Amino acid sequence: MSSAGAANPRRAQIIGVAADLFDRNGYHETSMQAIADRTGIRKASLYHYFRSKDELLVELHGTLMTVVIDRHLDRLGAGRLGPRDELRAMMRDVIGLMDSHPGHLRIFFESYRELPPDARTSVAAQRSRYRQLVADVIAAGNEAGEFGDVDPGMTSLAVLSLMNWTYQWFSRGGPLSTDEVADHFWSMLLNGIGTSSAAPGPPPSAR
């Protein structure tokens, strides 16, 4: 996972420009020349920062994973939140990327197969690590009695599915903020959508 983009303002600018162009025009349709032109630098200067479009894509993926993992680990280190509030914070982290890193999420989820094989393996490991961090919070909530007796692995997949799909429909400047969307999903997960008078019956028998 690289944090070079965050440490170097020009690299961060290039990543942001590339993410926007990839999002608007598609990864394959975006050239290094187009990225250089939008950034306002010569193409030769662009290659000083990134040797290829693939390298830009790898950096983009690593940037997002670094953001959400580091924020979570910082909160755990501070030890101020219980599992319920930590899950809410994680959901705000991921959905909030649509504000802090516009354009990145579509590329993150839709360009995975475009990554070079070694980078794909690394990104897959990062994604698995974050999924485990979500599962760990759910397991901690089980133990603390803050959640029902749910399977942490399955529930983490449900949480991630809610968060990850949001980029498909969320509109920046729309009626809801990213925090409000995250809080709605969080509340729905904790409270469900049924009423106490409509408790579900047993599942139908498999035929």
C-alpha atoms as a PDB file:
ATOM      1  CA  MET A   1       0.000   0.000   0.000  1.00  0.00           C
ATOM      2  CA  SER A   2       1.507   3.268  -1.070  1.00  0.00           C
ATOM      3  CA  SER A   3       1.061   6.621   0.617  1.00  0.00           C
ATOM      4  CA  ALA A   4       3.365   8.438  -1.804  1.00  0.00           C
ATOM      5  CA  GLY A   5       0.442  10.267  -3.372  1.00  0.00           C
ATOM      6  CA  ALA A   6      -0.543  11.821  -0.056  1.00  0.00           C
ATOM      7  CA  ALA A   7       3.056  12.814   0.688  1.00  0.00           C
ATOM      8  CA  ASN A   8       3.618  14.496  -2.695  1.00  0.00           C
ATOM      9  CA  PRO A   9       1.071  17.162  -3.707  1.00  0.00           C
ATOM     10  CA  ARG A  10       1.820  16.816  -7.433  1.00  0.00           C
ATOM     11  CA  ARG A  11       1.359  13.029  -7.321  1.00  0.00           C
ATOM     12  CA  ALA A  12      -1.875  13.508  -5.407  1.00  0.00           C
ATOM     13  CA  GLN A  13      -3.050  16.004  -8.033  1.00  0.00           C
ATOM     14  CA  ILE A  14      -2.244  13.597 -10.854  1.00  0.00           C
ATOM     15  CA  ILE A  15      -4.082  10.750  -9.115  1.00  0.00           C
ATOM     16  CA  GLY A  16      -7.142  12.979  -8.666  1.00  0.00           C
ATOM     17  CA  VAL A  17      -7.090  14.050 -12.318  1.00  0.00           C
ATOM     18  CA  ALA A  18      -6.644  10.466 -13.508  1.00  0.00           C
ATOM     19  CA  ALA A  19      -9.503   9.242 -11.294  1.00  0.00           C
ATOM     20  CA  ASP A  20     -11.819  11.887 -12.728  1.00  0.00           C
ATOM     21  CA  LEU A  21     -10.888  11.068 -16.328  1.00  0.00           C
ATOM     22  CA  PHE A  22     -11.129   7.318 -15.753  1.00  0.00           C
ATOM     23  CA  ASP A  23     -14.552   7.867 -14.176  1.00  0.00           C
ATOM     24  CA  ARG A  24     -15.822  10.088 -17.004  1.00  0.00           C
ATOM     25  CA  ASN A  25     -14.262   8.429 -20.038  1.00  0.00           C
ATOM     26  CA  GLY A  26     -13.217   4.940 -18.982  1.00  0.00           C
ATOM     27  CA  TYR A  27      -9.815   3.544 -18.146  1.00  0.00           C
ATOM     28  CA  HIS A  28      -8.921   2.298 -21.626  1.00  0.00           C
ATOM     29  CA  GLU A  29     -10.144   5.474 -23.329  1.00  0.00           C
ATOM     30  CA  THR A  30      -8.018   7.762 -21.151  1.00  0.00           C
ATOM     31  CA  SER A  31      -4.479   8.384 -22.380  1.00  0.00           C
ATOM     32  CA  MET A  32      -1.436   9.555 -20.481  1.00  0.00           C
ATOM     33  CA  GLN A  33      -1.456  12.597 -22.766  1.00  0.00           C
ATOM     34  CA  ALA A  34      -4.989  13.460 -21.643  1.00  0.00           C
ATOM     35  CA  ILE A  35      -3.940  13.155 -17.996  1.00  0.00           C
ATOM     36  CA  ALA A  36      -0.918  15.389 -18.600  1.00  0.00           C
ATOM     37  CA  ASP A  37      -3.027  17.989 -20.430  1.00  0.00           C
ATOM     38  CA  ARG A  38      -5.644  18.134 -17.676  1.00  0.00           C
ATOM     39  CA  THR A  39      -2.949  18.342 -14.993  1.00  0.00           C
ATOM     40  CA  GLY A  40      -1.200  21.148 -16.868  1.00  0.00           C
ATOM     41  CA  ILE A  41       2.171  19.463 -17.238  1.00  0.00           C
ATOM     42  CA  ARG A  42       4.135  17.986 -20.110  1.00  0.00           C
ATOM     43  CA  LYS A  43       3.737  14.292 -20.834  1.00  0.00           C
ATOM     44  CA  ALA A  44       7.448  13.762 -20.120  1.00  0.00           C
ATOM     45  CA  SER A  45       6.944  15.303 -16.681  1.00  0.00           C
ATOM     46  CA  LEU A  46       4.001  12.985 -16.044  1.00  0.00           C
ATOM     47  CA  TYR A  47       6.244   9.979 -16.669  1.00  0.00           C
ATOM     48  CA  HIS A  48       8.581  11.360 -14.011  1.00  0.00           C
ATOM     49  CA  TYR A  49       5.822  10.706 -11.446  1.00  0.00           C
ATOM     50  CA  PHE A  50       4.172   7.621 -12.950  1.00  0.00           C
ATOM     51  CA  ARG A  51       5.817   5.282 -15.433  1.00  0.00           C
ATOM     52  CA  SER A  52       2.525   4.008 -16.849  1.00  0.00           C
ATOM     53  CA  LYS A  53      -1.243   4.211 -16.628  1.00  0.00           C
ATOM     54  CA  ASP A  54      -1.189   0.864 -14.798  1.00  0.00           C
ATOM     55  CA  GLU A  55       1.003   2.389 -12.107  1.00  0.00           C
ATOM     56  CA  LEU A  56      -1.516   5.192 -11.704  1.00  0.00           C
ATOM     57  CA  LEU A  57      -4.307   2.665 -11.298  1.00  0.00           C
ATOM     58  CA  VAL A  58      -2.353   0.744  -8.660  1.00  0.00           C
ATOM     59  CA  GLU A  59      -1.671   3.967  -6.752  1.00  0.00           C
ATOM     60  CA  LEU A  60      -5.345   4.909  -6.870  1.00  0.00           C
ATOM     61  CA  HIS A  61      -6.394   1.581  -5.341  1.00  0.00           C
ATOM     62  CA  GLY A  62      -3.717   1.802  -2.668  1.00  0.00           C
ATOM     63  CA  THR A  63      -4.721   5.347  -1.760  1.00  0.00           C
ATOM     64  CA  LEU A  64      -8.302   4.387  -0.951  1.00  0.00           C
ATOM     65  CA  MET A  65      -7.315   1.335   1.073  1.00  0.00           C
ATOM     66  CA  THR A  66      -4.766   3.365   3.033  1.00  0.00           C
ATOM     67  CA  VAL A  67      -7.383   5.984   3.915  1.00  0.00           C
ATOM     68  CA  VAL A  68     -10.028   3.634   5.308  1.00  0.00           C
ATOM     69  CA  ILE A  69      -7.625   1.257   7.065  1.00  0.00           C
ATOM     70  CA  ASP A  70      -5.604   4.041   8.691  1.00  0.00           C
ATOM     71  CA  ARG A  71      -8.706   5.853   9.929  1.00  0.00           C
ATOM     72  CA  HIS A  72     -10.018   2.662  11.499  1.00  0.00           C
ATOM     73  CA  LEU A  73      -6.713   1.777  13.145  1.00  0.00           C
ATOM     74  CA  ASP A  74      -6.350   5.321  14.505  1.00  0.00           C
ATOM     75  CA  ARG A  75      -9.764   5.067  16.170  1.00  0.00           C
ATOM     76  CA  LEU A  76      -8.965   1.652  17.598  1.00  0.00           C
ATOM     77  CA  GLY A  77      -5.752   3.061  19.023  1.00  0.00           C
ATOM     78  CA  ALA A  78      -7.665   5.884  20.688  1.00  0.00           C
ATOM     79  CA  GLY A  79     -10.119   3.346  22.151  1.00  0.00           C
ATOM     80  CA  ARG A  80     -13.015   5.786  22.464  1.00  0.00           C
ATOM     81  CA  LEU A  81     -15.714   3.950  20.477  1.00  0.00           C
ATOM     82  CA  GLY A  82     -17.634   0.782  21.200  1.00  0.00           C
ATOM     83  CA  PRO A  83     -18.486  -1.704  18.429  1.00  0.00           C
ATOM     84  CA  ARG A  84     -21.803  -0.075  17.450  1.00  0.00           C
ATOM     85  CA  ASP A  85     -20.258   3.358  16.995  1.00  0.00           C
ATOM     86  CA  GLU A  86     -17.131   1.907  15.392  1.00  0.00           C
ATOM     87  CA  LEU A  87     -19.242   0.167  12.750  1.00  0.00           C
ATOM     88  CA  ARG A  88     -21.026   3.453  12.076  1.00  0.00           C
ATOM     89  CA  ALA A  89     -17.680   5.244  11.740  1.00  0.00           C
ATOM     90  CA  MET A  90     -16.400   2.628   9.292  1.00  0.00           C
ATOM     91  CA  MET A  91     -19.520   3.040   7.161  1.00  0.00           C
ATOM     92  CA  ARG A  92     -19.037   6.808   7.188  1.00  0.00           C
ATOM     93  CA  ASP A  93     -15.392   6.323   6.179  1.00  0.00           C
ATOM     94  CA  VAL A  94     -16.189   4.272   3.085  1.00  0.00           C
ATOM     95  CA  ILE A  95     -19.263   6.142   1.881  1.00  0.00           C
ATOM     96  CA  GLY A  96     -17.524   9.439   2.679  1.00  0.00           C
ATOM     97  CA  LEU A  97     -14.898   8.639   0.043  1.00  0.00           C
ATOM     98  CA  MET A  98     -17.414   9.932  -2.502  1.00  0.00           C
ATOM     99  CA  ASP A  99     -16.829  13.390  -1.007  1.00  0.00           C
ATOM    100  CA  SER A 100     -13.138  13.190  -0.165  1.00  0.00           C
ATOM    101  CA  HIS A 101     -12.064  11.183  -3.253  1.00  0.00           C
ATOM    102  CA  PRO A 102     -14.656  11.852  -5.980  1.00  0.00           C
ATOM    103  CA  GLY A 103     -14.328   9.589  -8.995  1.00  0.00           C
ATOM    104  CA  HIS A 104     -12.140   7.079  -7.207  1.00  0.00           C
ATOM    105  CA  LEU A 105     -14.789   4.586  -6.095  1.00  0.00           C
ATOM    106  CA  ARG A 106     -16.129   3.662  -9.527  1.00  0.00           C
ATOM    107  CA  ILE A 107     -12.596   2.994 -10.722  1.00  0.00           C
ATOM    108  CA  PHE A 108     -11.786   1.099  -7.535  1.00  0.00           C
ATOM    109  CA  PHE A 109     -14.661  -1.324  -7.999  1.00  0.00           C
ATOM    110  CA  GLU A 110     -14.871  -1.544 -11.781  1.00  0.00           C
ATOM    111  CA  SER A 111     -11.203  -1.616 -12.810  1.00  0.00           C
ATOM    112  CA  TYR A 112      -9.958  -4.397 -10.545  1.00  0.00           C
ATOM    113  CA  ARG A 113      -9.396  -6.743 -13.503  1.00  0.00           C
ATOM    114  CA  GLU A 114      -7.295  -4.093 -15.227  1.00  0.00           C
ATOM    115  CA  LEU A 115      -4.661  -4.235 -12.500  1.00  0.00           C
ATOM    116  CA  PRO A 116      -1.393  -6.060 -13.265  1.00  0.00           C
ATOM    117  CA  PRO A 117      -1.463  -9.558 -11.719  1.00  0.00           C
ATOM    118  CA  ASP A 118       0.987  -8.792  -8.892  1.00  0.00           C
ATOM    119  CA  ALA A 119      -0.872  -5.601  -7.997  1.00  0.00           C
ATOM    120  CA  ARG A 120      -4.193  -7.431  -8.138  1.00  0.00           C
ATOM    121  CA  THR A 121      -2.893  -9.901  -5.558  1.00  0.00           C
ATOM    122  CA  SER A 122      -1.771  -7.054  -3.303  1.00  0.00           C
ATOM    123  CA  VAL A 123      -5.078  -5.189  -3.620  1.00  0.00           C
ATOM    124  CA  ALA A 124      -7.023  -8.398  -2.950  1.00  0.00           C
ATOM    125  CA  ALA A 125      -5.041  -8.833   0.270  1.00  0.00           C
ATOM    126  CA  GLN A 126      -5.849  -5.247   1.305  1.00  0.00           C
ATOM    127  CA  ARG A 127      -9.545  -5.767   0.626  1.00  0.00           C
ATOM    128  CA  SER A 128      -9.522  -9.021   2.610  1.00  0.00           C
ATOM    129  CA  ARG A 129      -7.811  -7.267   5.488  1.00  0.00           C
ATOM    130  CA  TYR A 130     -10.464  -4.556   5.589  1.00  0.00           C
ATOM    131  CA  ARG A 131     -13.259  -7.126   5.407  1.00  0.00           C
ATOM    132  CA  GLN A 132     -11.671  -8.881   8.388  1.00  0.00           C
ATOM    133  CA  LEU A 133     -11.515  -5.579  10.280  1.00  0.00           C
ATOM    134  CA  VAL A 134     -15.259  -5.155   9.750  1.00  0.00           C
ATOM    135  CA  ALA A 135     -15.850  -8.745  10.860  1.00  0.00           C
ATOM    136  CA  ASP A 136     -13.724  -8.134  13.969  1.00  0.00           C
ATOM    137  CA  VAL A 137     -15.900  -5.166  14.958  1.00  0.00           C
ATOM    138  CA  ILE A 138     -19.042  -7.276  14.514  1.00  0.00           C
ATOM    139  CA  ALA A 139     -17.528 -10.101  16.565  1.00  0.00           C
ATOM    140  CA  ALA A 140     -16.640  -7.599  19.298  1.00  0.00           C
ATOM    141  CA  GLY A 141     -20.232  -6.344  19.220  1.00  0.00           C
ATOM    142  CA  ASN A 142     -21.483  -9.910  19.615  1.00  0.00           C
ATOM    143  CA  GLU A 143     -19.264 -10.436  22.627  1.00  0.00           C
ATOM    144  CA  ALA A 144     -20.268  -7.120  24.199  1.00  0.00           C
ATOM    145  CA  GLY A 145     -23.962  -7.807  23.677  1.00  0.00           C
ATOM    146  CA  GLU A 146     -24.328  -4.795  21.387  1.00  0.00           C
ATOM    147  CA  PHE A 147     -25.336  -6.915  18.369  1.00  0.00           C
ATOM    148  CA  GLY A 148     -27.501  -9.975  18.027  1.00  0.00           C
ATOM    149  CA  ASP A 149     -26.005 -13.407  17.595  1.00  0.00           C
ATOM    150  CA  VAL A 150     -24.960 -12.930  13.971  1.00  0.00           C
ATOM    151  CA  ASP A 151     -22.209 -14.526  11.940  1.00  0.00           C
ATOM    152  CA  PRO A 152     -19.402 -11.943  11.690  1.00  0.00           C
ATOM    153  CA  GLY A 153     -18.192 -13.141   8.288  1.00  0.00           C
ATOM    154  CA  MET A 154     -21.591 -13.113   6.599  1.00  0.00           C
ATOM    155  CA  THR A 155     -22.595  -9.864   8.283  1.00  0.00           C
ATOM    156  CA  SER A 156     -19.373  -8.143   7.215  1.00  0.00           C
ATOM    157  CA  LEU A 157     -20.172  -9.058   3.606  1.00  0.00           C
ATOM    158  CA  ALA A 158     -23.641  -7.536   3.982  1.00  0.00           C
ATOM    159  CA  VAL A 159     -22.198  -4.339   5.473  1.00  0.00           C
ATOM    160  CA  LEU A 160     -19.620  -4.020   2.700  1.00  0.00           C
ATOM    161  CA  SER A 161     -22.244  -4.682   0.036  1.00  0.00           C
ATOM    162  CA  LEU A 162     -24.372  -1.812   1.337  1.00  0.00           C
ATOM    163  CA  MET A 163     -21.397   0.548   1.372  1.00  0.00           C
ATOM    164  CA  ASN A 164     -19.754  -0.520  -1.861  1.00  0.00           C
ATOM    165  CA  TRP A 165     -22.825  -0.250  -4.060  1.00  0.00           C
ATOM    166  CA  THR A 166     -23.612   3.325  -3.025  1.00  0.00           C
ATOM    167  CA  TYR A 167     -21.323   4.884  -5.641  1.00  0.00           C
ATOM    168  CA  GLN A 168     -23.715   3.624  -8.339  1.00  0.00           C
ATOM    169  CA  TRP A 169     -26.552   5.920  -7.309  1.00  0.00           C
ATOM    170  CA  PHE A 170     -25.314   8.553  -4.858  1.00  0.00           C
ATOM    171  CA  SER A 171     -25.439  12.132  -6.142  1.00  0.00           C
ATOM    172  CA  ARG A 172     -23.107  14.699  -4.606  1.00  0.00           C
ATOM    173  CA  GLY A 173     -25.142  17.793  -3.834  1.00  0.00           C
ATOM    174  CA  GLY A 174     -28.295  15.672  -3.573  1.00  0.00           C
ATOM    175  CA  PRO A 175     -30.786  15.606  -0.690  1.00  0.00           C
ATOM    176  CA  LEU A 176     -28.617  13.396   1.550  1.00  0.00           C
ATOM    177  CA  SER A 177     -25.029  13.784   2.659  1.00  0.00           C
ATOM    178  CA  THR A 178     -22.666  10.825   2.705  1.00  0.00           C
ATOM    179  CA  ASP A 179     -22.860  10.750   6.512  1.00  0.00           C
ATOM    180  CA  GLU A 180     -26.659  10.686   6.362  1.00  0.00           C
ATOM    181  CA  VAL A 181     -26.594   7.787   3.903  1.00  0.00           C
ATOM    182  CA  ALA A 182     -24.136   5.896   6.116  1.00  0.00           C
ATOM    183  CA  ASP A 183     -26.241   6.561   9.219  1.00  0.00           C
ATOM    184  CA  HIS A 184     -29.404   5.358   7.462  1.00  0.00           C
ATOM    185  CA  PHE A 185     -27.732   2.094   6.462  1.00  0.00           C
ATOM    186  CA  TRP A 186     -26.265   1.692   9.949  1.00  0.00           C
ATOM    187  CA  SER A 187     -29.651   2.208  11.578  1.00  0.00           C
ATOM    188  CA  MET A 188     -31.280  -0.212   9.152  1.00  0.00           C
ATOM    189  CA  LEU A 189     -28.693  -2.874   9.951  1.00  0.00           C
ATOM    190  CA  LEU A 190     -29.140  -2.483  13.690  1.00  0.00           C
ATOM    191  CA  ASN A 191     -32.936  -2.129  13.745  1.00  0.00           C
ATOM    192  CA  GLY A 192     -34.004  -4.078  10.670  1.00  0.00           C
ATOM    193  CA  ILE A 193     -36.966  -3.162   8.484  1.00  0.00           C
ATOM    194  CA  GLY A 194     -39.586  -5.372  10.101  1.00  0.00           C
ATOM    195  CA  THR A 195     -41.824  -4.509  13.033  1.00  0.00           C
ATOM    196  CA  SER A 196     -42.060  -6.330  16.335  1.00  0.00           C
ATOM    197  CA  SER A 197     -45.541  -7.530  15.392  1.00  0.00           C
ATOM    198  CA  ALA A 198     -44.299  -9.030  12.155  1.00  0.00           C
ATOM    199  CA  ALA A 199     -41.640 -11.399  13.369  1.00  0.00           C
ATOM    200  CA  PRO A 200     -40.419 -13.655  10.558  1.00  0.00           C
ATOM    201  CA  GLY A 201     -41.518 -17.265  10.597  1.00  0.00           C
ATOM    202  CA  PRO A 202     -39.285 -20.246   9.851  1.00  0.00           C
ATOM    203  CA  PRO A 203     -37.764 -20.368   6.385  1.00  0.00           C
ATOM    204  CA  PRO A 204     -39.575 -22.533   3.831  1.00  0.00           C
ATOM    205  CA  SER A 205     -38.309 -26.073   3.574  1.00  0.00           C
ATOM    206  CA  ALA A 206     -35.950 -26.756   0.710  1.00  0.00           C
ATOM    207  CA  ARG A 207     -37.608 -28.799  -1.992  1.00  0.00           C
END
